Protein backbone atom coordinates (compact mmCIF):
# COMPACT_ATOMS: atom_id res chain seq x y z
CA MET A 1 97.03 88.34 101.05
CA LEU A 2 100.48 88.63 100.79
CA THR A 3 100.89 89.88 97.28
CA ASP A 4 104.90 91.06 97.43
CA SER A 5 106.85 88.50 95.98
CA GLN A 6 110.16 89.50 97.51
CA LEU A 7 108.45 89.82 100.99
CA LYS A 8 107.25 86.39 100.32
CA SER A 9 110.57 85.06 99.98
CA SER A 10 111.52 86.78 102.84
CA VAL A 11 109.06 84.61 104.81
CA ASP A 12 109.94 81.58 103.12
CA ALA A 13 113.77 81.94 103.88
CA LEU A 14 112.87 83.09 107.76
CA TRP A 15 110.45 79.77 107.93
CA ASN A 16 113.11 77.86 106.73
CA LYS A 17 115.23 79.33 109.43
CA VAL A 18 112.94 78.48 112.52
CA TRP A 19 112.34 75.16 111.30
CA THR A 20 115.80 74.03 110.77
CA GLY A 21 116.52 75.89 113.97
CA GLY A 22 114.54 73.09 115.97
CA LEU A 23 110.82 74.38 116.03
CA SER A 24 109.20 71.35 114.19
CA ASN A 25 105.71 71.79 115.11
CA PRO A 26 104.55 73.87 112.36
CA LEU A 27 102.07 75.82 114.38
CA ASP A 28 104.69 76.36 117.51
CA ALA A 29 106.95 78.23 114.56
CA ILE A 30 103.73 80.51 113.79
CA GLU A 31 102.85 81.29 117.21
CA GLN A 32 106.73 82.45 117.76
CA LEU A 33 107.26 84.06 114.67
CA SER A 34 103.95 86.37 115.79
CA TYR A 35 105.42 87.05 119.12
CA LEU A 36 108.53 88.76 117.81
CA LEU A 37 106.85 90.20 114.60
CA PHE A 38 104.39 91.57 117.29
CA LEU A 39 107.17 93.02 119.14
CA LYS A 40 108.93 94.39 116.44
CA GLN A 41 105.86 96.31 115.11
CA ILE A 42 104.84 97.54 118.54
CA ASP A 43 108.91 99.27 119.15
CA GLU A 44 108.04 101.12 115.40
CA ARG A 45 104.77 101.68 116.37
CA GLU A 46 105.88 103.57 119.89
CA GLN A 47 108.57 105.12 118.26
CA ASP A 48 106.24 107.10 116.12
CA GLY A 49 104.18 108.02 118.62
CA GLU A 50 106.73 109.13 120.50
CA ARG A 51 107.73 111.40 117.58
CA GLN A 52 104.54 112.33 117.11
CA ALA A 53 103.92 113.30 120.64
CA LYS A 54 107.12 115.67 120.43
CA ARG A 55 105.98 117.39 117.47
CA ARG A 56 103.22 118.54 118.70
CA GLY A 57 104.23 119.41 122.25
CA GLY A 58 101.71 116.01 123.49
CA LYS A 59 102.54 113.40 125.83
CA PHE A 60 102.97 109.80 124.82
CA VAL A 61 102.38 106.84 127.17
CA PRO A 62 104.04 103.96 125.81
CA LEU A 63 102.58 100.50 126.20
CA PHE A 64 106.09 99.22 126.97
CA PRO A 65 107.41 101.95 129.66
CA ASP A 66 110.64 100.33 130.20
CA PRO A 67 112.90 100.82 126.87
CA THR A 68 114.90 97.96 127.74
CA LEU A 69 111.83 95.90 126.79
CA ARG A 70 112.05 96.88 123.41
CA TRP A 71 113.26 95.52 120.12
CA SER A 72 115.60 98.39 119.36
CA HIS A 73 117.53 97.42 122.69
CA TRP A 74 117.64 93.85 123.27
CA SER A 75 117.95 92.79 119.55
CA GLN A 76 121.11 94.55 119.35
CA LEU A 77 122.62 92.81 122.37
CA PRO A 78 124.85 90.01 122.27
CA ALA A 79 122.76 86.66 121.46
CA ASP A 80 123.57 85.04 124.67
CA LYS A 81 122.43 88.19 126.96
CA ALA A 82 119.77 88.77 124.25
CA LEU A 83 117.65 85.15 124.54
CA LYS A 84 117.93 85.63 128.22
CA HIS A 85 116.53 89.36 128.21
CA VAL A 86 113.63 87.87 126.40
CA LYS A 87 113.21 84.74 128.34
CA ASP A 88 113.32 86.18 131.45
CA VAL A 89 112.31 89.88 131.12
CA VAL A 90 110.38 90.89 127.83
CA PHE A 91 108.23 87.72 127.20
CA PRO A 92 106.92 88.04 131.23
CA PHE A 93 105.81 91.17 130.64
CA LEU A 94 104.25 90.65 127.42
CA LYS A 95 102.37 87.70 129.14
CA ASN A 96 101.08 90.02 132.11
CA LEU A 97 99.98 92.88 129.82
CA GLY A 98 96.28 91.42 130.77
CA ASP A 99 95.30 94.65 132.86
CA LYS A 100 96.27 96.86 129.56
CA ALA A 101 95.02 95.10 126.73
CA GLY A 102 92.27 93.18 127.69
CA SER A 103 91.60 89.54 126.76
CA PHE A 104 95.04 89.51 125.52
CA GLY A 105 96.69 88.69 128.84
CA ALA A 106 94.26 85.85 129.61
CA GLN A 107 94.71 84.37 126.25
CA MET A 108 98.89 84.60 126.82
CA GLU A 109 98.56 82.85 130.42
CA ASN A 110 99.69 79.20 129.28
CA ALA A 111 102.33 80.93 126.42
CA GLU A 112 105.68 80.02 126.00
CA PHE A 113 108.90 81.31 124.27
CA LYS A 114 110.26 78.32 122.82
CA ILE A 115 112.90 79.53 120.98
CA ASN A 116 116.19 78.46 122.77
CA LYS A 117 119.47 78.88 120.48
CA PRO A 118 120.51 82.36 121.04
CA ALA A 119 121.94 82.15 117.65
CA LEU A 120 119.00 81.47 115.93
CA LEU A 121 116.98 84.37 118.07
CA ILE A 122 119.51 86.91 116.55
CA GLU A 123 119.37 85.26 113.20
CA ILE A 124 115.56 85.61 112.83
CA CYS A 125 115.54 89.44 114.32
CA ARG A 126 117.76 90.31 111.53
CA ALA A 127 115.32 88.42 108.85
CA ILE A 128 112.41 90.54 110.51
CA GLU A 129 114.26 93.52 110.51
CA ALA A 130 115.22 92.95 106.29
CA MET A 131 111.74 92.50 105.77
CA GLN A 132 111.29 96.18 106.16
CA ILE A 133 107.16 95.52 107.77
CA SER A 134 106.59 99.09 108.70
CA ALA A 135 107.27 100.16 105.22
CA GLN A 136 104.53 97.88 104.17
CA ASN A 137 100.55 98.13 104.10
CA GLN A 138 98.11 97.98 106.54
CA ASP A 139 97.34 94.51 108.45
CA VAL A 140 100.43 93.09 107.42
CA GLN A 141 100.30 90.84 110.29
CA GLY A 142 96.94 89.28 109.57
CA ASP A 143 98.52 89.08 105.86
CA LEU A 144 101.89 87.00 106.93
CA TYR A 145 100.06 84.88 109.28
CA GLU A 146 97.76 83.68 106.52
CA TYR A 147 100.70 82.92 104.29
CA LEU A 148 102.56 80.81 106.78
CA LEU A 149 99.22 79.06 107.41
CA SER A 150 99.25 78.12 103.96
CA LYS A 151 102.66 76.58 104.58
CA LEU A 152 100.55 73.85 106.79
CA ASN A 153 98.34 73.15 104.08
CA THR A 154 95.75 73.48 106.53
CA ALA A 155 94.49 76.97 105.49
CA GLY A 156 90.53 76.68 104.22
CA THR A 157 90.32 72.50 105.20
CA ASN A 158 87.65 74.26 107.49
CA GLY A 159 86.54 77.21 105.21
CA GLN A 160 88.74 79.09 107.80
CA PHE A 161 90.62 81.32 105.26
CA ARG A 162 91.55 84.47 105.64
CA THR A 163 89.00 87.60 103.60
CA PRO A 164 91.42 89.46 101.79
CA ARG A 165 91.98 92.81 102.85
CA HIS A 166 90.34 94.66 100.08
CA ILE A 167 86.78 93.04 100.15
CA ILE A 168 86.68 93.80 104.04
CA ARG A 169 87.48 97.13 103.27
CA MET A 170 84.36 97.22 101.06
CA MET A 171 82.11 95.84 103.32
CA VAL A 172 83.20 98.22 105.81
CA LYS A 173 82.23 100.97 103.95
CA MET A 174 79.03 99.83 103.04
CA LEU A 175 78.19 99.49 106.66
CA ASP A 176 79.63 102.70 107.73
CA PRO A 177 80.09 101.82 111.30
CA ARG A 178 79.57 104.78 113.68
CA PRO A 179 80.90 106.13 116.77
CA GLY A 180 79.09 104.51 119.82
CA GLU A 181 78.07 101.56 118.09
CA ARG A 182 78.63 98.14 118.78
CA VAL A 183 80.47 95.95 116.66
CA CYS A 184 81.35 92.14 116.42
CA ASP A 185 82.87 89.54 114.27
CA PRO A 186 81.80 85.74 115.70
CA ALA A 187 84.05 84.12 113.63
CA ALA A 188 87.11 86.27 113.75
CA GLY A 189 90.17 84.66 113.06
CA THR A 190 92.94 87.42 112.60
CA CYS A 191 90.20 90.37 113.60
CA GLY A 192 90.45 91.78 110.05
CA PHE A 193 86.69 92.98 110.09
CA LEU A 194 87.24 94.52 113.41
CA VAL A 195 90.29 95.97 112.96
CA ASN A 196 88.98 98.02 109.37
CA ALA A 197 86.08 98.88 111.09
CA TRP A 198 88.00 100.51 113.75
CA GLN A 199 90.31 102.14 111.04
CA HIS A 200 87.19 103.42 109.21
CA LEU A 201 85.95 104.80 112.26
CA LEU A 202 89.23 106.90 112.18
CA GLU A 203 89.19 107.80 109.04
CA THR A 204 85.91 109.47 108.83
CA HIS A 205 86.18 111.45 111.97
CA THR A 206 90.34 112.70 110.70
CA ASP A 207 90.23 115.82 109.70
CA PRO A 208 90.84 115.59 105.55
CA ARG A 209 94.22 117.46 105.53
CA ASP A 210 95.64 114.96 107.91
CA LEU A 211 94.96 111.68 105.86
CA THR A 212 97.15 110.38 102.96
CA PHE A 213 96.53 107.59 100.55
CA ASP A 214 99.17 105.12 99.11
CA GLU A 215 99.07 103.95 95.74
CA GLU A 216 96.58 100.87 97.07
CA GLY A 217 94.05 103.18 98.39
CA TRP A 218 95.09 102.16 101.99
CA PRO A 219 94.56 105.63 104.34
CA HIS A 220 97.56 107.11 106.62
CA GLY A 221 97.88 109.46 109.13
CA LEU A 222 94.87 108.39 110.98
CA THR A 223 94.12 110.55 114.01
CA GLY A 224 90.47 110.21 114.69
CA SER A 225 90.70 113.55 116.14
CA GLY A 226 87.17 114.57 115.18
CA LEU A 227 85.79 111.91 117.77
CA LYS A 228 84.68 113.32 121.02
CA ARG A 229 86.75 111.70 123.94
CA GLU A 230 83.59 109.56 125.24
CA GLU A 231 83.34 108.18 121.62
CA TYR A 232 87.15 107.50 121.72
CA GLU A 233 86.97 105.98 124.94
CA PHE A 234 83.56 103.83 124.51
CA ALA A 235 85.78 102.69 120.53
CA GLN A 236 88.64 101.45 122.87
CA LYS A 237 86.89 99.68 125.51
CA GLU A 238 83.65 98.34 124.31
CA ALA A 239 82.71 98.95 120.78
CA PHE A 240 84.53 95.82 118.78
CA THR A 241 84.44 92.38 120.28
CA GLY A 242 85.49 89.37 118.54
CA TYR A 243 85.21 85.70 119.16
CA ASP A 244 86.93 82.27 117.91
CA SER A 245 86.87 78.83 118.37
CA ASP A 246 90.68 78.19 118.03
CA SER A 247 91.15 76.28 121.59
CA GLY A 248 95.06 76.30 120.32
CA MET A 249 94.87 80.04 121.45
CA THR A 250 97.21 80.58 118.54
CA MET A 251 94.63 82.37 116.11
CA LEU A 252 93.30 84.20 119.20
CA ARG A 253 96.85 85.59 120.63
CA ILE A 254 97.45 86.52 116.78
CA GLY A 255 94.22 88.32 116.28
CA SER A 256 94.60 90.77 119.54
CA MET A 257 97.97 91.44 119.00
CA ASN A 258 96.46 92.52 115.48
CA LEU A 259 93.84 94.91 117.20
CA MET A 260 96.73 96.12 119.44
CA LEU A 261 99.24 96.74 116.54
CA HIS A 262 96.40 99.08 115.18
CA GLY A 263 95.60 101.18 118.44
CA LEU A 264 93.12 99.25 119.94
CA ALA A 265 95.11 98.86 123.28
CA SER A 266 93.08 96.50 124.80
CA PRO A 267 91.33 94.22 122.73
CA ARG A 268 87.60 92.25 123.39
CA PHE A 269 88.25 88.94 121.70
CA HIS A 270 87.32 85.72 123.03
CA TYR A 271 87.51 82.29 122.96
CA THR A 272 84.19 81.01 122.00
CA ASP A 273 81.89 78.89 119.72
CA THR A 274 79.61 81.17 119.12
CA LEU A 275 77.39 78.32 117.83
CA SER A 276 77.36 76.61 120.87
CA LYS A 277 74.93 76.19 123.76
CA GLY A 278 77.24 78.17 126.10
CA PHE A 279 77.05 81.21 124.00
CA ASN A 280 73.78 83.03 124.69
CA GLU A 281 74.02 86.83 123.54
CA GLU A 282 71.28 88.43 122.23
CA ARG A 283 70.31 91.90 120.87
CA THR A 284 73.76 93.02 122.16
CA TYR A 285 75.48 94.64 119.08
CA ASP A 286 74.56 97.37 116.34
CA VAL A 287 76.71 96.04 113.75
CA VAL A 288 77.99 92.58 112.69
CA LEU A 289 80.83 91.97 110.23
CA ALA A 290 82.32 88.65 109.61
CA ASN A 291 83.00 85.76 107.10
CA PRO A 292 82.49 82.38 109.08
CA PRO A 293 83.68 79.31 107.95
CA PHE A 294 81.67 77.40 104.83
CA LYS A 295 82.43 73.95 105.28
CA GLY A 296 81.35 71.13 107.43
CA ALA A 297 78.84 70.19 109.61
CA ILE A 298 78.31 70.97 113.56
CA ASP A 299 77.21 68.30 116.63
CA THR A 300 73.93 68.88 116.64
CA ALA A 301 73.81 68.00 120.43
CA ASP A 302 75.96 71.23 121.26
CA VAL A 303 73.89 73.93 119.15
CA ASN A 304 72.67 76.39 121.21
CA PRO A 305 68.73 75.98 121.38
CA SER A 306 68.03 79.38 119.85
CA LEU A 307 68.92 78.38 116.67
CA PRO A 308 66.96 75.81 114.13
CA ALA A 309 67.40 72.32 115.84
CA LYS A 310 67.51 70.27 112.42
CA VAL A 311 70.16 72.76 110.47
CA LYS A 312 74.00 71.33 110.53
CA LYS A 313 74.93 73.79 107.79
CA THR A 314 77.35 76.66 109.48
CA GLU A 315 76.83 78.76 106.97
CA ILE A 316 73.01 78.88 107.96
CA LEU A 317 73.54 78.46 111.40
CA PHE A 318 75.75 81.48 111.55
CA VAL A 319 72.97 83.70 109.31
CA HIS A 320 70.27 83.06 112.27
CA LEU A 321 73.40 83.82 114.87
CA PHE A 322 73.78 87.12 113.45
CA LEU A 323 70.19 87.86 113.44
CA ARG A 324 70.08 86.75 117.19
CA LEU A 325 72.97 89.06 117.98
CA LEU A 326 71.79 92.15 116.38
CA GLU A 327 69.41 94.88 118.05
CA ASN A 328 66.32 95.74 116.23
CA GLY A 329 67.79 98.28 113.52
CA GLY A 330 70.82 96.51 113.46
CA ARG A 331 73.14 96.31 110.26
CA ALA A 332 75.25 92.93 109.10
CA ALA A 333 77.31 92.53 106.23
CA VAL A 334 78.48 89.01 105.83
CA ILE A 335 79.91 86.55 103.54
CA VAL A 336 78.29 83.36 102.78
CA PRO A 337 78.74 80.79 100.17
CA ASP A 338 76.22 80.67 96.92
CA GLY A 339 74.56 77.80 98.42
CA VAL A 340 73.34 80.09 100.52
CA LEU A 341 71.20 82.14 97.64
CA PHE A 342 69.63 78.89 96.02
CA GLY A 343 69.92 76.20 97.93
CA SER A 344 66.67 74.26 97.49
CA SER A 345 66.71 72.44 101.09
CA ASN A 346 63.94 73.51 103.98
CA ALA A 347 66.80 75.04 105.65
CA HIS A 348 68.08 77.23 102.96
CA VAL A 349 64.51 78.58 102.20
CA GLU A 350 63.77 79.06 105.35
CA VAL A 351 66.52 81.16 106.48
CA ARG A 352 66.20 83.32 103.37
CA LYS A 353 62.59 83.26 103.76
CA LEU A 354 63.39 84.80 107.18
CA LEU A 355 65.59 87.76 105.76
CA ILE A 356 63.19 88.58 103.51
CA GLU A 357 59.88 88.49 105.46
CA GLY A 358 61.05 88.94 108.63
CA ASN A 359 64.09 91.41 108.16
CA ARG A 360 65.37 93.93 105.46
CA LEU A 361 67.10 92.61 103.05
CA ASP A 362 69.16 95.36 102.22
CA GLY A 363 71.81 93.88 99.51
CA VAL A 364 73.60 91.24 97.48
CA VAL A 365 77.07 91.03 96.04
CA SER A 366 77.66 88.65 94.04
CA MET A 367 81.23 88.01 93.80
CA PRO A 368 83.34 86.06 91.42
CA SER A 369 84.51 82.50 92.22
CA GLY A 370 88.10 83.34 92.61
CA VAL A 371 87.91 86.29 95.25
CA PHE A 372 89.26 83.04 97.90
CA ARG A 373 92.37 81.63 95.92
CA PRO A 374 94.25 80.12 96.31
CA TYR A 375 92.70 78.58 99.28
CA ALA A 376 89.31 78.01 97.76
CA GLY A 377 87.39 78.60 94.38
CA VAL A 378 84.37 78.62 96.26
CA SER A 379 81.46 81.25 94.80
CA SER A 380 80.47 83.50 97.41
CA ALA A 381 78.20 86.28 98.16
CA VAL A 382 77.84 89.52 100.43
CA LEU A 383 74.60 89.82 102.58
CA LEU A 384 73.42 93.36 103.51
CA PHE A 385 70.90 93.25 106.23
CA THR A 386 69.07 95.31 108.76
CA LYS A 387 67.35 93.66 111.55
CA GLY A 388 63.48 93.89 112.28
CA ALA A 389 62.87 96.18 109.18
CA ALA A 390 61.05 95.55 106.53
CA THR A 391 62.34 94.57 102.98
CA GLU A 392 60.58 95.74 99.84
CA ARG A 393 63.01 95.51 97.33
CA ILE A 394 66.77 94.36 97.24
CA TRP A 395 69.56 95.94 95.72
CA TYR A 396 71.98 94.00 93.53
CA TYR A 397 75.37 94.05 92.27
CA ASP A 398 76.98 91.34 90.02
CA MET A 399 80.83 91.83 90.62
CA GLU A 400 83.37 90.50 88.10
CA HIS A 401 86.78 91.71 88.79
CA ASP A 402 88.04 92.55 92.54
CA GLY A 403 91.09 94.13 91.22
CA PHE A 404 93.18 90.81 91.22
CA SER A 405 93.30 87.87 89.00
CA LEU A 406 91.10 85.05 90.08
CA ASP A 407 93.63 82.65 89.58
CA ASP A 408 95.93 80.84 92.30
CA LYS A 409 98.32 84.01 91.83
CA ARG A 410 96.12 86.62 92.62
CA GLN A 411 98.27 89.22 90.80
CA ARG A 412 96.98 93.12 90.71
CA VAL A 413 95.07 93.77 87.36
CA ALA A 414 93.46 96.96 86.43
CA GLU A 415 89.72 95.43 86.24
CA ASN A 416 88.52 96.39 89.61
CA ASP A 417 84.87 96.86 89.91
CA ILE A 418 84.44 98.03 93.97
CA ALA A 419 84.97 101.55 93.63
CA ASP A 420 81.95 101.43 91.30
CA LEU A 421 79.96 99.05 93.56
CA LEU A 422 80.76 101.63 96.25
CA ASP A 423 79.34 104.59 94.61
CA CYS A 424 76.46 102.64 93.51
CA TRP A 425 75.48 101.66 96.78
CA GLN A 426 76.09 105.13 98.43
CA GLN A 427 73.99 106.41 96.17
CA ARG A 428 71.39 104.01 95.78
CA HIS A 429 68.27 105.49 96.87
CA ASP A 430 69.16 108.76 94.70
CA PRO A 431 66.85 109.08 92.08
CA LYS A 432 69.10 111.60 90.12
CA PHE A 433 72.02 109.02 90.23
CA GLN A 434 69.79 106.16 88.74
CA LYS A 435 68.38 108.84 85.97
CA GLN A 436 71.80 109.49 85.03
CA ARG A 437 73.25 105.75 84.83
CA ASP A 438 69.95 105.01 82.52
CA ALA A 439 70.36 107.89 80.17
CA ARG A 440 73.63 106.86 79.67
CA LEU A 441 72.98 103.62 79.54
CA ALA A 442 70.26 104.34 76.50
CA LYS A 443 72.86 106.58 74.88
CA LEU A 444 75.19 103.72 74.62
CA GLN A 445 72.72 101.28 73.71
CA LYS A 446 71.62 103.50 70.60
CA GLN A 447 75.10 104.53 69.96
CA ILE A 448 76.23 100.56 69.93
CA ALA A 449 72.89 98.75 67.56
CA PRO A 450 74.10 100.15 64.23
CA LEU A 451 77.63 99.22 64.83
CA LYS A 452 76.58 95.82 65.90
CA GLN A 453 74.55 95.43 62.93
CA ASP A 454 77.45 96.16 60.76
CA ARG A 455 78.98 93.03 62.57
CA LEU A 456 76.69 90.97 61.63
CA ALA A 457 76.90 91.95 57.94
CA HIS A 458 80.75 91.71 57.94
CA HIS A 459 80.06 88.32 59.28
CA ALA A 460 77.92 87.41 56.46
CA ILE A 461 80.25 88.87 53.70
CA ILE A 462 82.94 86.92 55.39
CA HIS A 463 81.44 83.82 55.30
CA ARG A 464 80.25 84.39 51.55
CA LEU A 465 84.07 85.06 50.31
CA LYS A 466 85.13 81.94 52.06
CA PHE A 467 82.77 79.68 50.04
CA GLU A 468 83.82 81.48 47.35
CA GLU A 469 87.44 80.36 48.09
CA VAL A 470 86.62 76.95 47.52
CA VAL A 471 84.09 77.03 44.76
CA ALA A 472 85.61 79.88 42.73
CA LYS A 473 88.13 79.12 39.77
CA GLU A 474 89.83 82.44 40.45
CA ALA A 475 90.17 82.22 44.45
CA ASP A 476 92.86 85.13 44.64
CA ALA A 477 89.78 87.86 44.23
CA ALA A 478 87.75 86.15 46.82
CA ARG A 479 90.39 86.07 49.46
CA GLY A 480 91.58 89.12 48.96
CA ALA A 481 88.16 90.44 49.30
CA ARG A 482 87.70 88.18 52.25
CA GLU A 483 91.16 89.59 54.03
CA GLN A 484 89.89 93.00 53.55
CA ALA A 485 86.66 92.12 55.26
CA GLU A 486 88.36 90.60 58.34
CA ALA A 487 90.42 93.77 58.51
CA GLU A 488 87.53 95.92 58.77
CA LEU A 489 85.64 93.74 61.21
CA ALA A 490 88.69 93.72 63.46
CA GLU A 491 88.44 97.55 63.49
CA LEU A 492 84.71 97.60 63.93
CA GLN A 493 85.13 95.06 67.11
CA ALA A 494 87.71 97.84 68.56
CA ARG A 495 84.92 100.45 68.60
CA ILE A 496 82.31 98.05 70.35
CA THR A 497 84.89 96.28 72.90
CA PRO A 498 84.50 99.57 74.83
CA LEU A 499 80.97 100.31 74.39
CA GLU A 500 80.01 96.88 75.40
CA ASN A 501 82.21 97.01 78.39
CA GLU A 502 80.68 100.11 79.54
CA ILE A 503 77.16 98.81 79.04
CA ASN A 504 78.15 95.35 81.25
CA GLN A 505 79.25 97.74 83.75
CA LEU A 506 76.28 99.92 84.15
CA THR A 507 74.31 96.75 84.20
CA ARG A 508 75.73 94.84 86.87
CA GLN A 509 74.07 97.21 89.59
CA PHE A 510 70.09 96.35 89.48
CA TRP A 511 66.84 96.24 91.96
CA VAL A 512 64.81 93.38 92.47
CA THR A 513 61.57 93.29 94.12
CA LYS A 514 60.56 91.26 97.02
CA GLU A 515 57.51 89.70 94.88
CA GLN A 516 60.26 88.67 92.30
CA VAL A 517 62.37 86.64 95.07
CA ALA A 518 59.23 85.18 96.77
CA ALA A 519 57.65 83.83 93.59
CA ASN A 520 60.82 82.17 93.02
CA LYS A 521 61.00 80.27 96.43
CA TYR A 522 63.25 83.11 97.76
CA ASP A 523 65.86 82.09 95.43
CA LEU A 524 68.67 85.38 95.70
CA SER A 525 70.98 84.63 92.58
CA ALA A 526 72.00 87.54 90.78
CA SER A 527 72.07 85.76 87.31
CA ARG A 528 68.41 84.69 88.19
CA TYR A 529 67.44 88.57 88.02
CA ARG A 530 70.05 90.27 86.12
CA GLN A 531 69.22 91.23 82.45
CA VAL A 532 71.76 90.34 80.27
CA GLU A 533 71.70 91.21 76.33
CA HIS A 534 72.14 88.71 74.51
CA GLU A 535 74.47 88.80 71.44
CA GLU A 536 72.90 88.08 67.95
CA VAL A 537 74.96 85.67 66.41
CA PHE A 538 75.35 85.28 62.57
CA TYR A 539 73.41 82.50 60.68
CA GLU A 540 73.44 82.20 57.17
CA ASN A 541 69.88 81.46 55.79
CA THR A 542 68.79 77.86 55.49
CA ALA A 543 68.17 78.54 51.86
CA VAL A 544 71.38 80.31 50.93
CA THR A 545 73.06 76.93 52.40
CA LEU A 546 71.35 74.56 50.44
CA GLU A 547 72.38 76.51 47.61
CA GLN A 548 76.19 76.36 48.89
CA MET A 549 75.59 72.48 48.78
CA ARG A 550 74.38 72.35 45.44
CA GLN A 551 77.16 74.54 44.31
CA LEU A 552 79.76 72.43 46.45
CA GLU A 553 78.39 69.30 44.60
CA ARG A 554 78.54 70.66 41.52
CA ALA A 555 82.16 71.62 42.07
CA ALA A 556 82.85 68.48 43.18
CA GLU A 557 81.60 66.99 40.21
CA ARG A 558 83.19 68.71 37.95
CA ASP A 559 86.63 68.35 39.71
CA VAL A 560 85.53 64.61 39.40
CA SER A 561 85.44 64.68 36.01
CA GLU A 562 88.27 66.11 35.37
CA LEU A 563 90.15 63.75 37.15
CA GLY A 564 88.67 61.16 34.73
CA LYS A 565 89.96 62.91 32.03
CA LEU A 566 93.34 63.35 33.58
CA LEU A 567 93.88 59.45 34.39
CA SER A 568 92.65 58.44 31.07
CA ALA A 569 94.62 60.59 28.81
CA LYS A 570 97.45 58.33 30.60
């Protein structure tokens, strides 16, 4: 997601320039901006590659061999010459990258460069340069696309909203794609999952001395030097495959450009409705990473016969598709709406039963409902499973914070469970790790118990003193005592809160047995199984309450009597 307010303002200004410059179709505007953003970023990437090759004494093979094709050349020409050069030379070259750039050439076959005003082209170029995209974090192409798409009021209408990068990175780290494995996203959008899987492969095979991490934890200096030559070539040519059903080709072009910008020179990203009869891949991939469309139903007449014939909900059909695509032993991490976890229809129950009885459901990550804001407030979860293995017990993590506010603004916040989640996942089978957490939890619970009893006692004191303030003739003493008790309670709560927070953190990870889930119609809701300690609330003893009511009644009678005396004296 695009979180930098200054960058958002720059994109807004750029959007207005394109809109007022004659590109009245919003999708055309997005596509044309994407071409220019791609050309700018390719130029920057190739300049970086040349500098690195020169520094290391190696050879760099550019994607754009002719220097006049590069942004740094033509964007400095006079406006009329720049537009002519882009239309006659640069864009035709871009369209014919087919042999060098995999599926991109086929997607660009009918593409058009629709900016026809020289001044507008240069104005857009200067605006893009001012945005300093190279200084931004990873996958900014996808972020910019998402933000532009949000202006159409169409993002999310079909469940096709972009998955936040930090959630993608979390899922990729959990699956840990390895050299030689084939990775697929059958609903790839802007190819965020494939980009991150490729970067993860590079990161895990780069000398740690070459790696640097920015303030958000994103890696830089990815060389992949630890990959064998055949492993690198396999990754470039065969390892990463994506599909999308955007018939307008805009999503496919942008996704392919995103892959190329991140070093996959020949993207394998194709136009296909992967739920349809025309898509018959089976047992082809080792890893599936996906966030398929949540909403809507599909035309049952076109559903692939290998999928359940009577099911119309796409989120359920996609789970069946993921299982079909995986080789035995293949792994998946996929996002599903919470309804898949607890829906009571036959289709919902059957798909959960299939995951548990016919395969190994490795984990369920329950995510907070604000993860996909501002595009959707749907509650969702990550399912992690292995095809063909046996489920014995299921690992859970009940995530409450993802590092961003859970409102439409999605501003960065300190609370973030992802580091703890990844730590728990990676060490979930280590008895020593779990023993340490259990010991820490027991220590905290022992530490907090007397504090909670003291808190209850203070509530009782405050309740009594509030009553005395009402009925006592001298209320000042009771008021002073109450204020003192309330100050002590605030100090007590300040000691309790960090202990409660740590206890809450430690109990977010837990295990559930297959038998427990089966006994509940295969319900996978985290809230059904998580053991949460309920806070004891202060309630006054009924006998004390009755006595206080009598005292109030006597006080009222006394006040009425005194009022009567005053009135009779007049």
